[in-house]
Amino acid sequence: MPATALPALVASLTLLGSIALPTSAASAYDLRLRSWGLNTSGQLGDGTKTQRLTPTSVVGLSGAELNSVAAGGTGGSAGSGFGLALLANGTVESWGKNDKGQLGNGATSATDEWAVPSLVAGLGGVDAVAAGGSHALALLKDGTVKAWGLNDKGQLGDGTTTNANLPVVVAGLEDVKAIAAGDTFSMALLKDGTVKTWGNNDKGQLGITAKAAKSTDPVPAPAPATRATAVQVPELTTVKGITAGASHALALLADGSVMSWGLNENGQLGDDTATTKTPAVNNNKPYPVPVLELKNVTALAAGASHSVALLQDRTLRAWGNNTNGQVGDGTLTQRNTSVPVPGVTGVTGIASGASHNLAVLADGTVQAWGLNDKGQLGDGTTTQRPTPVQVLAKSGSVSMVAAPSSGSFSLAR
């Protein structure tokens, strides 16, 4: 659920292994869109459903024709997934799970899976894409948004709860400059610096509930439970970037600070209110709160229950669930406020999956850390990594990375 929800720009990839290729052949190989990790639904786009522990090529998509990529899907040991690729001509291709119409190609069935890319029907003039659990968004060059896929919580924003296997218009949105998609909710950043959200609000992930009158008052329950049309998040007026985790959201402000809202059971909001007490205390926030100890931020990424920030000095800070080392600080200790990710400098882009992360360095290398049970780190193993390891080596051209905030695979060019 990328980047900002938008996939981060990263340096290009090179062929792993010891085989030497002629320069021209290596260059062509490097430009392909790559994927690795879980592949139960054909989400790697390589024509198979075979799990990959190292990068494989997505069929038929040359990196030279790609403007951006996005990854969506659901979690669990047999989780599903799908991918989106925005082509330079403004069209979109999709692949993977399609049981809810999330590929937008007009087909839908309980077993419908596409292991190679196909065209999203009737869609052109696209400027950005975002992928949620089982739905997708496309930002058009005219500032409007279209959506398709699962709509049981109103996440398509068309005023209904009817699934759509073809793109539909998100109602009441114009002058949009960025989009993001969580598991079952959606976000739009407008050109005036405000944010609108729609879809599921059971954890307060829409951020639209009024704050308690006093800081000592109990946190109000999120209301309403769902919104089928976009509504403005109050008190946010200087936003320059947005990111959606599975059930929490982040907004990057013009001054380099960050606001967060939604699910907070593992400290993913970074406001130091999460608890491990029994019985658990509800520390979800249905309205924006400041992420503490964080400034000079330039980009954000969010997973199922953790968050990552890229700073101006090209270092990283992370917070939230750390059961699988996804914070990257070398421990498995939950972090309720942000901590540095050691040993990673010169970062130019980031992406977060459900419990793993990708970071691209200025020298053209890609590092990954966190959960690796499905090979989502791409290092050839299924070994969990609480500190970053190199995945993709230097090659010299520019590319993109993406990972699903509720899934276990990765995309890169």
Protein backbone atom coordinates (compact mmCIF):
# COMPACT_ATOMS: atom_id res chain seq x y z
CA MET A 1 0.00 0.00 0.00
CA PRO A 2 2.30 2.33 -1.21
CA ALA A 3 4.11 5.52 -0.36
CA THR A 4 3.07 7.87 0.18
CA ALA A 5 0.87 5.37 -1.40
CA LEU A 6 2.66 6.21 -4.59
CA PRO A 7 5.53 3.79 -5.24
CA ALA A 8 8.94 5.18 -4.34
CA LEU A 9 11.49 5.88 -7.07
CA VAL A 10 14.50 3.64 -6.69
CA ALA A 11 17.65 2.67 -8.53
CA SER A 12 17.46 -0.11 -11.06
CA LEU A 13 18.26 -3.76 -10.63
CA THR A 14 20.82 -6.19 -11.94
CA LEU A 15 20.76 -9.91 -12.56
CA LEU A 16 21.44 -11.87 -9.38
CA GLY A 17 24.00 -14.63 -9.58
CA SER A 18 27.34 -15.11 -11.24
CA ILE A 19 26.29 -15.27 -14.90
CA ALA A 20 27.92 -12.49 -16.90
CA LEU A 21 25.78 -10.97 -19.64
CA PRO A 22 26.81 -8.73 -22.52
CA THR A 23 26.11 -5.08 -21.78
CA SER A 24 23.16 -4.86 -24.17
CA ALA A 25 21.55 -8.03 -22.83
CA ALA A 26 22.05 -7.00 -19.20
CA SER A 27 20.53 -3.60 -19.90
CA ALA A 28 17.41 -5.12 -21.42
CA TYR A 29 17.11 -7.58 -18.52
CA ASP A 30 17.45 -4.82 -15.94
CA LEU A 31 14.54 -2.88 -17.39
CA ARG A 32 12.03 -5.62 -16.73
CA LEU A 33 9.54 -5.30 -13.89
CA ARG A 34 10.60 -7.77 -11.17
CA SER A 35 8.68 -9.52 -8.38
CA TRP A 36 9.27 -11.97 -5.53
CA GLY A 37 7.55 -13.55 -2.52
CA LEU A 38 4.12 -15.15 -2.14
CA ASN A 39 2.49 -16.17 -5.43
CA THR A 40 -0.67 -18.12 -4.53
CA SER A 41 -2.81 -15.88 -6.75
CA GLY A 42 -0.36 -15.21 -9.55
CA GLN A 43 0.50 -11.86 -7.94
CA LEU A 44 4.10 -12.09 -9.13
CA GLY A 45 2.88 -11.92 -12.72
CA ASP A 46 5.45 -14.44 -13.97
CA GLY A 47 2.88 -16.83 -15.46
CA THR A 48 3.03 -19.23 -12.51
CA LYS A 49 1.81 -19.59 -8.94
CA THR A 50 5.25 -20.58 -7.70
CA GLN A 51 6.63 -18.79 -4.64
CA ARG A 52 9.88 -16.97 -5.45
CA LEU A 53 12.69 -16.34 -2.96
CA THR A 54 14.61 -14.16 -5.43
CA PRO A 55 13.36 -11.72 -8.09
CA THR A 56 11.60 -13.06 -11.17
CA SER A 57 10.38 -11.14 -14.22
CA VAL A 58 6.76 -10.00 -14.64
CA VAL A 59 5.67 -11.22 -18.06
CA GLY A 60 5.50 -8.65 -20.84
CA LEU A 61 6.22 -5.50 -18.85
CA SER A 62 9.38 -3.62 -19.71
CA GLY A 63 10.45 -1.11 -17.10
CA ALA A 64 11.07 1.38 -19.90
CA GLU A 65 7.31 1.71 -20.42
CA LEU A 66 6.38 2.01 -16.72
CA ASN A 67 5.61 5.21 -14.82
CA SER A 68 4.75 3.52 -11.50
CA VAL A 69 3.70 0.25 -9.87
CA ALA A 70 1.45 -0.67 -6.94
CA ALA A 71 0.87 -3.86 -4.95
CA GLY A 72 -2.30 -4.93 -3.15
CA GLY A 73 -3.61 -7.98 -1.37
CA THR A 74 -4.64 -9.62 1.86
CA GLY A 75 -2.58 -11.29 4.57
CA GLY A 76 -2.38 -14.69 6.19
CA SER A 77 -0.38 -17.78 5.27
CA ALA A 78 -2.45 -18.26 2.10
CA GLY A 79 -3.00 -14.58 1.42
CA SER A 80 -3.98 -13.28 -1.99
CA GLY A 81 -2.45 -10.44 -3.93
CA PHE A 82 -2.51 -8.39 -7.12
CA GLY A 83 -0.33 -5.90 -8.91
CA LEU A 84 -0.85 -2.74 -10.95
CA ALA A 85 1.46 -1.14 -13.49
CA LEU A 86 0.91 2.38 -14.83
CA LEU A 87 2.29 2.61 -18.34
CA ALA A 88 3.79 5.72 -19.90
CA ASN A 89 0.81 5.99 -22.26
CA GLY A 90 -1.57 6.49 -19.31
CA THR A 91 -3.11 3.02 -19.36
CA VAL A 92 -2.94 0.47 -16.52
CA GLU A 93 -2.24 -3.27 -16.52
CA SER A 94 -3.11 -5.61 -13.65
CA TRP A 95 -2.52 -9.22 -12.59
CA GLY A 96 -3.13 -11.61 -9.68
CA LYS A 97 -6.28 -12.26 -7.66
CA ASN A 98 -9.55 -11.12 -9.23
CA ASP A 99 -12.32 -12.62 -7.09
CA LYS A 100 -13.68 -9.15 -6.25
CA GLY A 101 -12.97 -7.53 -9.61
CA GLN A 102 -9.77 -5.90 -8.32
CA LEU A 103 -8.07 -6.30 -11.71
CA GLY A 104 -10.66 -4.08 -13.35
CA ASN A 105 -10.72 -6.10 -16.56
CA GLY A 106 -14.45 -6.89 -16.53
CA ALA A 107 -14.03 -10.47 -15.28
CA THR A 108 -14.89 -11.79 -11.83
CA SER A 109 -15.19 -15.23 -10.28
CA ALA A 110 -14.24 -16.87 -7.01
CA THR A 111 -11.35 -18.68 -8.69
CA ASP A 112 -10.46 -15.98 -11.23
CA GLU A 113 -6.72 -15.37 -11.10
CA TRP A 114 -4.50 -13.88 -13.78
CA ALA A 115 -0.85 -14.90 -13.59
CA VAL A 116 0.17 -12.47 -16.34
CA PRO A 117 -0.78 -8.78 -16.82
CA SER A 118 -3.94 -7.73 -18.65
CA LEU A 119 -5.33 -4.29 -19.42
CA VAL A 120 -7.65 -2.49 -16.98
CA ALA A 121 -10.64 -1.86 -19.22
CA GLY A 122 -11.67 1.60 -20.39
CA LEU A 123 -9.01 3.45 -18.45
CA GLY A 124 -6.70 6.09 -19.90
CA GLY A 125 -5.10 9.37 -18.94
CA VAL A 126 -3.97 7.94 -15.59
CA ASP A 127 -1.41 9.83 -13.50
CA ALA A 128 -1.07 7.50 -10.46
CA VAL A 129 -2.35 4.17 -9.10
CA ALA A 130 -2.90 2.70 -5.64
CA ALA A 131 -3.86 -0.80 -4.47
CA GLY A 132 -5.73 -1.85 -1.32
CA GLY A 133 -6.67 -5.24 0.06
CA SER A 134 -9.04 -6.10 -2.80
CA HIS A 135 -9.66 -2.74 -4.48
CA ALA A 136 -7.72 -0.28 -6.58
CA LEU A 137 -7.64 3.45 -7.35
CA ALA A 138 -6.50 5.45 -10.35
CA LEU A 139 -5.83 9.20 -10.30
CA LEU A 140 -6.56 10.76 -13.67
CA LYS A 141 -4.68 13.69 -15.14
CA ASP A 142 -7.81 15.85 -14.79
CA GLY A 143 -7.69 15.48 -10.97
CA THR A 144 -10.56 13.00 -10.66
CA VAL A 145 -10.32 9.44 -9.33
CA LYS A 146 -11.70 6.10 -10.49
CA ALA A 147 -11.91 2.89 -8.45
CA TRP A 148 -12.73 -0.79 -8.87
CA GLY A 149 -12.88 -4.06 -6.94
CA LEU A 150 -14.34 -4.90 -3.52
CA ASN A 151 -16.81 -2.32 -2.22
CA ASP A 152 -18.42 -3.93 0.84
CA LYS A 153 -17.29 -1.03 3.03
CA GLY A 154 -17.77 1.72 0.47
CA GLN A 155 -14.06 1.78 -0.39
CA LEU A 156 -14.80 2.61 -4.03
CA GLY A 157 -16.45 5.87 -2.99
CA ASP A 158 -19.20 5.78 -5.59
CA GLY A 159 -22.03 6.01 -3.06
CA THR A 160 -22.79 2.27 -3.13
CA THR A 161 -21.53 -0.94 -1.56
CA THR A 162 -21.63 -2.85 -4.83
CA ASN A 163 -18.43 -4.44 -6.12
CA ALA A 164 -17.21 -3.23 -9.51
CA ASN A 165 -15.10 -5.22 -11.98
CA LEU A 166 -14.72 -2.13 -14.16
CA PRO A 167 -13.58 1.35 -13.06
CA VAL A 168 -16.24 3.64 -11.55
CA VAL A 169 -15.99 7.33 -10.68
CA VAL A 170 -15.29 8.24 -7.04
CA ALA A 171 -18.05 10.72 -6.28
CA GLY A 172 -17.38 14.33 -5.33
CA LEU A 173 -13.63 14.36 -5.90
CA GLU A 174 -11.73 16.90 -7.97
CA ASP A 175 -8.35 18.64 -7.86
CA VAL A 176 -6.74 15.49 -6.42
CA LYS A 177 -2.94 15.25 -6.54
CA ALA A 178 -2.25 11.95 -4.70
CA ILE A 179 -4.10 8.79 -3.69
CA ALA A 180 -3.60 5.95 -1.20
CA ALA A 181 -5.46 2.71 -0.45
CA GLY A 182 -5.62 0.77 2.80
CA ASP A 183 -7.05 -2.68 3.31
CA THR A 184 -10.69 -1.54 3.08
CA PHE A 185 -10.47 2.26 2.93
CA SER A 186 -9.19 4.92 0.55
CA MET A 187 -7.56 8.36 0.70
CA ALA A 188 -7.12 11.37 -1.57
CA LEU A 189 -4.83 14.38 -1.12
CA LEU A 190 -6.21 17.50 -2.74
CA LYS A 191 -4.16 20.25 -4.31
CA ASP A 192 -5.18 22.65 -1.52
CA GLY A 193 -3.43 20.45 1.08
CA THR A 194 -6.56 18.87 2.54
CA VAL A 195 -7.33 15.14 2.72
CA LYS A 196 -10.51 13.20 2.00
CA THR A 197 -11.19 9.58 3.00
CA TRP A 198 -13.87 6.96 2.44
CA GLY A 199 -14.63 3.30 3.12
CA ASN A 200 -14.24 1.30 6.32
CA ASN A 201 -13.98 3.25 9.57
CA ASP A 202 -14.18 0.50 12.20
CA LYS A 203 -10.76 1.43 13.60
CA GLY A 204 -11.05 5.15 12.97
CA GLN A 205 -8.95 4.89 9.80
CA LEU A 206 -10.98 7.61 8.05
CA GLY A 207 -9.87 10.14 10.68
CA ILE A 208 -13.18 12.00 10.59
CA THR A 209 -14.42 11.60 14.19
CA ALA A 210 -14.40 14.73 16.35
CA LYS A 211 -11.75 14.83 19.07
CA ALA A 212 -12.64 14.48 22.73
CA ALA A 213 -13.22 17.84 24.38
CA LYS A 214 -10.42 17.21 26.91
CA SER A 215 -7.26 15.16 26.62
CA THR A 216 -8.31 13.26 29.74
CA ASP A 217 -11.65 12.26 28.22
CA PRO A 218 -12.02 8.75 26.72
CA VAL A 219 -11.25 8.49 23.01
CA PRO A 220 -14.60 8.58 21.18
CA ALA A 221 -15.65 5.60 19.11
CA PRO A 222 -15.29 6.16 15.36
CA ALA A 223 -18.51 7.17 13.66
CA PRO A 224 -19.89 6.39 11.19
CA ALA A 225 -18.71 2.81 10.72
CA THR A 226 -18.39 3.24 6.94
CA ARG A 227 -18.54 6.05 4.39
CA ALA A 228 -19.48 5.31 0.79
CA THR A 229 -18.48 8.78 -0.38
CA ALA A 230 -15.44 10.94 0.33
CA VAL A 231 -15.42 13.20 3.41
CA GLN A 232 -12.77 15.67 4.53
CA VAL A 233 -10.45 14.86 7.43
CA PRO A 234 -10.83 17.84 9.81
CA GLU A 235 -7.97 20.13 10.85
CA LEU A 236 -5.56 18.97 8.12
CA THR A 237 -4.72 21.84 5.79
CA THR A 238 -1.00 21.67 4.89
CA VAL A 239 -0.58 18.05 3.81
CA LYS A 240 1.93 17.23 1.07
CA GLY A 241 1.91 13.42 1.20
CA ILE A 242 -0.33 10.55 2.32
CA THR A 243 0.16 6.86 3.08
CA ALA A 244 -2.28 4.11 4.04
CA GLY A 245 -1.41 1.09 6.14
CA ALA A 246 -3.82 -1.80 6.48
CA SER A 247 -6.03 0.06 8.99
CA HIS A 248 -4.09 3.22 9.82
CA ALA A 249 -3.14 6.34 7.91
CA LEU A 250 -0.27 8.83 7.83
CA ALA A 251 -0.13 12.39 6.53
CA LEU A 252 3.12 14.26 5.85
CA LEU A 253 2.78 18.00 6.55
CA ALA A 254 4.55 20.83 4.77
CA ASP A 255 6.78 21.46 7.81
CA GLY A 256 8.14 17.88 7.71
CA SER A 257 6.10 16.61 10.64
CA VAL A 258 3.64 13.69 10.46
CA MET A 259 0.09 13.10 11.66
CA SER A 260 -1.46 9.64 12.06
CA TRP A 261 -4.82 8.05 12.83
CA GLY A 262 -6.66 4.72 12.92
CA LEU A 263 -5.63 1.37 14.40
CA ASN A 264 -2.97 1.61 17.11
CA GLU A 265 -2.85 -1.77 18.82
CA ASN A 266 0.87 -2.12 18.06
CA GLY A 267 2.02 1.48 18.30
CA GLN A 268 1.80 2.10 14.55
CA LEU A 269 0.56 5.65 15.12
CA GLY A 270 3.75 6.59 16.92
CA ASP A 271 2.02 8.72 19.57
CA ASP A 272 3.28 6.63 22.51
CA THR A 273 -0.19 5.51 23.61
CA ALA A 274 -0.20 1.84 22.60
CA THR A 275 -0.11 -0.64 25.47
CA THR A 276 0.55 -4.32 26.07
CA LYS A 277 -1.63 -4.41 29.18
CA THR A 278 -4.27 -7.12 29.67
CA PRO A 279 -7.10 -6.55 29.03
CA ALA A 280 -5.99 -4.39 26.12
CA VAL A 281 -6.81 -0.70 26.25
CA ASN A 282 -8.30 0.81 23.09
CA ASN A 283 -5.72 3.31 21.92
CA ASN A 284 -7.00 3.62 18.36
CA LYS A 285 -7.31 7.23 17.25
CA PRO A 286 -10.28 8.13 15.00
CA TYR A 287 -8.77 11.60 14.43
CA PRO A 288 -5.24 12.78 13.53
CA VAL A 289 -2.57 12.86 16.26
CA PRO A 290 1.10 13.90 15.96
CA VAL A 291 3.75 11.22 15.48
CA LEU A 292 6.20 11.99 18.28
CA GLU A 293 9.96 12.47 17.98
CA LEU A 294 9.74 12.84 14.23
CA LYS A 295 10.70 15.79 12.00
CA ASN A 296 12.30 16.60 8.66
CA VAL A 297 10.35 13.80 6.95
CA THR A 298 10.24 13.59 3.15
CA ALA A 299 8.38 10.30 2.51
CA LEU A 300 6.32 7.69 4.36
CA ALA A 301 5.44 4.00 4.10
CA ALA A 302 3.05 1.88 6.18
CA GLY A 303 2.42 -1.83 6.60
CA ALA A 304 -0.19 -3.83 8.46
CA SER A 305 0.86 -2.52 11.88
CA HIS A 306 4.10 -0.59 11.47
CA SER A 307 5.26 2.64 9.85
CA VAL A 308 8.46 3.98 8.27
CA ALA A 309 9.66 7.55 7.57
CA LEU A 310 12.40 8.74 5.23
CA LEU A 311 14.16 11.86 6.53
CA GLN A 312 15.83 14.74 4.70
CA ASP A 313 19.28 13.34 5.56
CA ARG A 314 18.29 10.10 3.78
CA THR A 315 18.13 8.02 6.95
CA LEU A 316 15.12 6.13 8.24
CA ARG A 317 13.03 5.99 11.39
CA ALA A 318 10.38 3.36 12.08
CA TRP A 319 7.82 2.44 14.71
CA GLY A 320 5.01 0.02 15.57
CA ASN A 321 4.80 -3.75 15.54
CA ASN A 322 8.23 -5.38 15.59
CA THR A 323 7.35 -9.04 16.11
CA ASN A 324 9.12 -9.93 12.88
CA GLY A 325 11.84 -7.29 12.97
CA GLN A 326 9.94 -4.97 10.64
CA VAL A 327 11.07 -1.86 12.55
CA GLY A 328 14.60 -2.80 11.53
CA ASP A 329 16.40 -1.75 14.71
CA GLY A 330 17.88 -5.19 15.36
CA THR A 331 15.32 -6.11 18.03
CA LEU A 332 11.86 -7.66 18.21
CA THR A 333 10.63 -4.99 20.65
CA GLN A 334 7.47 -3.05 19.83
CA ARG A 335 8.17 0.66 19.34
CA ASN A 336 5.42 3.10 20.29
CA THR A 337 7.48 6.06 19.08
CA SER A 338 9.91 6.24 16.18
CA VAL A 339 13.45 4.87 16.44
CA PRO A 340 16.34 5.02 13.95
CA VAL A 341 16.87 2.17 11.50
CA PRO A 342 20.64 1.70 11.94
CA GLY A 343 23.09 0.98 9.16
CA VAL A 344 20.94 2.35 6.34
CA THR A 345 22.01 5.66 4.81
CA GLY A 346 21.63 7.35 1.46
CA VAL A 347 18.03 6.13 1.13
CA THR A 348 16.10 7.47 -1.85
CA GLY A 349 12.86 5.47 -1.62
CA ILE A 350 10.88 3.18 0.69
CA ALA A 351 7.97 0.73 0.55
CA SER A 352 6.27 -1.42 3.20
CA GLY A 353 4.50 -4.75 2.98
CA ALA A 354 2.42 -6.30 5.74
CA SER A 355 5.49 -7.04 7.87
CA HIS A 356 8.47 -6.22 5.65
CA ASN A 357 10.12 -3.18 4.10
CA LEU A 358 12.20 -2.18 1.10
CA ALA A 359 14.70 0.68 0.97
CA VAL A 360 16.53 1.91 -2.10
CA LEU A 361 19.93 3.53 -1.66
CA ALA A 362 21.53 6.25 -3.75
CA ASP A 363 24.18 3.82 -5.03
CA GLY A 364 21.50 1.73 -6.75
CA THR A 365 21.20 -1.08 -4.21
CA VAL A 366 17.99 -2.28 -2.56
CA GLN A 367 17.80 -3.48 1.04
CA ALA A 368 14.99 -5.30 2.85
CA TRP A 369 14.11 -6.40 6.37
CA GLY A 370 11.33 -7.94 8.46
CA LEU A 371 9.20 -11.02 7.91
CA ASN A 372 10.47 -13.37 5.21
CA ASP A 373 8.34 -16.50 5.53
CA LYS A 374 7.21 -16.21 1.90
CA GLY A 375 10.49 -14.95 0.49
CA GLN A 376 9.19 -11.37 0.44
CA LEU A 377 12.67 -10.01 1.21
CA GLY A 378 14.06 -11.58 -1.96
CA ASP A 379 17.39 -12.60 -0.46
CA GLY A 380 17.04 -16.28 -1.41
CA THR A 381 15.98 -17.42 2.06
CA THR A 382 12.91 -17.53 4.29
CA THR A 383 14.88 -16.22 7.26
CA GLN A 384 13.42 -13.31 9.23
CA ARG A 385 15.69 -10.25 9.18
CA PRO A 386 15.51 -7.68 12.03
CA THR A 387 18.16 -5.59 10.26
CA PRO A 388 18.40 -4.71 6.56
CA VAL A 389 20.03 -7.10 4.07
CA GLN A 390 20.91 -6.40 0.46
CA VAL A 391 18.47 -7.80 -2.08
CA LEU A 392 19.06 -6.10 -5.41
CA ALA A 393 22.43 -4.94 -6.60
CA LYS A 394 23.64 -1.82 -8.35
CA SER A 395 23.02 -1.39 -12.08
CA GLY A 396 22.69 2.29 -12.86
CA SER A 397 19.19 3.11 -14.12
CA VAL A 398 16.16 4.39 -12.18
CA SER A 399 13.18 2.24 -11.15
CA MET A 400 10.37 1.73 -8.63
CA VAL A 401 9.41 -0.48 -5.68
CA ALA A 402 6.07 -1.40 -4.13
CA ALA A 403 4.68 -3.83 -1.55
CA PRO A 404 1.13 -4.45 -0.23
CA SER A 405 0.37 -3.21 3.28
CA SER A 406 -1.60 -6.42 3.91
CA GLY A 407 0.44 -8.79 1.76
CA SER A 408 3.69 -10.72 1.42
CA PHE A 409 5.29 -9.94 -1.94
CA SER A 410 7.35 -7.20 -3.55
CA LEU A 411 7.61 -5.43 -6.91
CA ALA A 412 10.56 -3.53 -8.36
CA ARG A 413 12.03 -2.31 -11.63
